[in-house]
Amino acid sequence: MDLGIAGKWALVCAASKGLGFGCAQALVAEGVNVVINARSEGPLQQAAEKLRAVGADWARANGQKAPEVLAVACDITTAEGRAAVLGVAGGPGVNFDILVNNAG
């Protein structure tokens, strides 16, 4: 089903596993660019690689460029963490279309 959200930008917090990862995966499978966040660098980078594979599959099936998957390891509940996520190189800055606030 085409939800008409391909090319949009989503921020998914606490996305290295569980519900956050599942949300990010569903968005990337629809062609959405994502910035994912979690506190632990290793698991977050592993999640990003899995999401990039999902994006590559979407791109092949749709004849388009794969969605961007950017990972920022930080504590989103801090001002510094929010600044890091909103300032990630290649991201949309503050212009996200979708927010999944999965962080406690």
Protein backbone atom coordinates (compact mmCIF):
# COMPACT_ATOMS: atom_id res chain seq x y z
CA MET A 1 0.00 0.00 0.00
CA ASP A 2 1.38 3.42 -0.93
CA LEU A 3 0.82 5.78 1.98
CA GLY A 4 2.09 8.79 0.02
CA ILE A 5 4.88 9.50 2.51
CA ALA A 6 7.92 8.53 0.42
CA GLY A 7 10.55 11.24 0.54
CA LYS A 8 9.34 12.70 3.84
CA TRP A 9 11.63 12.96 6.88
CA ALA A 10 10.95 11.18 10.18
CA LEU A 11 12.67 11.36 13.53
CA VAL A 12 12.38 8.10 15.45
CA CYS A 13 13.63 8.18 19.03
CA ALA A 14 14.85 5.06 20.88
CA ALA A 15 15.08 3.26 17.54
CA SER A 16 17.86 0.74 18.11
CA LYS A 17 15.44 -2.07 19.00
CA GLY A 18 11.86 -2.88 19.91
CA LEU A 19 8.99 -0.56 19.07
CA GLY A 20 11.23 2.28 17.94
CA PHE A 21 13.09 0.04 15.51
CA GLY A 22 9.81 -1.40 14.24
CA CYS A 23 8.45 2.09 13.58
CA ALA A 24 11.64 3.12 11.75
CA GLN A 25 11.56 -0.08 9.71
CA ALA A 26 7.95 0.50 8.65
CA LEU A 27 8.73 4.08 7.65
CA VAL A 28 11.83 3.16 5.62
CA ALA A 29 9.80 0.42 3.91
CA GLU A 30 7.54 3.24 2.68
CA GLY A 31 10.47 5.27 1.34
CA VAL A 32 10.70 7.69 4.27
CA ASN A 33 14.07 9.21 5.17
CA VAL A 34 14.79 8.68 8.86
CA VAL A 35 16.99 10.05 11.59
CA ILE A 36 17.17 7.40 14.27
CA ASN A 37 18.32 7.97 17.80
CA ALA A 38 19.33 5.88 20.80
CA ARG A 39 21.87 6.22 23.58
CA SER A 40 24.08 3.23 22.68
CA GLU A 41 26.25 3.67 19.57
CA GLY A 42 26.80 -0.03 18.74
CA PRO A 43 23.20 -1.21 18.71
CA LEU A 44 22.12 2.00 16.95
CA GLN A 45 24.62 1.49 14.13
CA GLN A 46 23.49 -2.14 13.76
CA ALA A 47 19.89 -0.95 13.49
CA ALA A 48 20.91 1.66 10.91
CA GLU A 49 22.55 -0.99 8.73
CA LYS A 50 19.41 -3.15 8.84
CA LEU A 51 17.29 -0.13 7.93
CA ARG A 52 19.57 0.74 5.02
CA ALA A 53 19.01 -2.78 3.67
CA VAL A 54 15.23 -2.25 3.93
CA GLY A 55 15.65 1.07 2.12
CA ALA A 56 17.69 -0.56 -0.63
CA ASP A 57 14.92 -3.12 -1.14
CA TRP A 58 12.34 -0.33 -1.36
CA ALA A 59 14.50 1.56 -3.88
CA ARG A 60 14.90 -1.51 -6.12
CA ALA A 61 11.17 -2.21 -6.04
CA ASN A 62 10.25 1.39 -6.80
CA GLY A 63 13.04 2.44 -9.14
CA GLN A 64 13.99 5.33 -6.87
CA LYS A 65 16.86 6.45 -4.67
CA ALA A 66 17.03 4.64 -1.33
CA PRO A 67 15.81 6.62 1.65
CA GLU A 68 18.42 8.21 3.91
CA VAL A 69 19.07 6.55 7.26
CA LEU A 70 21.02 8.77 9.67
CA ALA A 71 21.92 7.59 13.16
CA VAL A 72 22.68 9.85 16.12
CA ALA A 73 23.76 8.25 19.39
CA CYS A 74 22.81 10.59 22.23
CA ASP A 75 20.32 11.12 25.04
CA ILE A 76 17.38 12.84 23.35
CA THR A 77 16.07 13.98 26.74
CA THR A 78 18.93 16.47 27.05
CA ALA A 79 19.38 19.79 25.27
CA GLU A 80 22.69 18.55 23.89
CA GLY A 81 21.06 15.40 22.55
CA ARG A 82 18.28 17.31 20.84
CA ALA A 83 20.82 19.69 19.30
CA ALA A 84 22.81 16.72 17.96
CA VAL A 85 19.74 15.14 16.37
CA LEU A 86 18.49 18.37 14.85
CA GLY A 87 21.96 19.26 13.59
CA VAL A 88 22.95 15.95 12.04
CA ALA A 89 24.72 16.43 8.71
CA GLY A 90 22.48 15.56 5.77
CA GLY A 91 19.31 15.69 7.85
CA PRO A 92 16.37 18.07 7.60
CA GLY A 93 17.34 20.24 10.56
CA VAL A 94 14.12 21.04 12.41
CA ASN A 95 11.91 20.33 9.38
CA PHE A 96 10.73 16.81 10.19
CA ASP A 97 7.42 15.67 8.76
CA ILE A 98 6.97 12.76 11.17
CA LEU A 99 7.96 12.31 14.81
CA VAL A 100 7.95 9.04 16.73
CA ASN A 101 8.72 10.08 20.30
CA ASN A 102 9.40 6.64 21.70
CA ALA A 103 11.92 7.78 24.34
CA GLY A 104 11.03 7.67 28.05
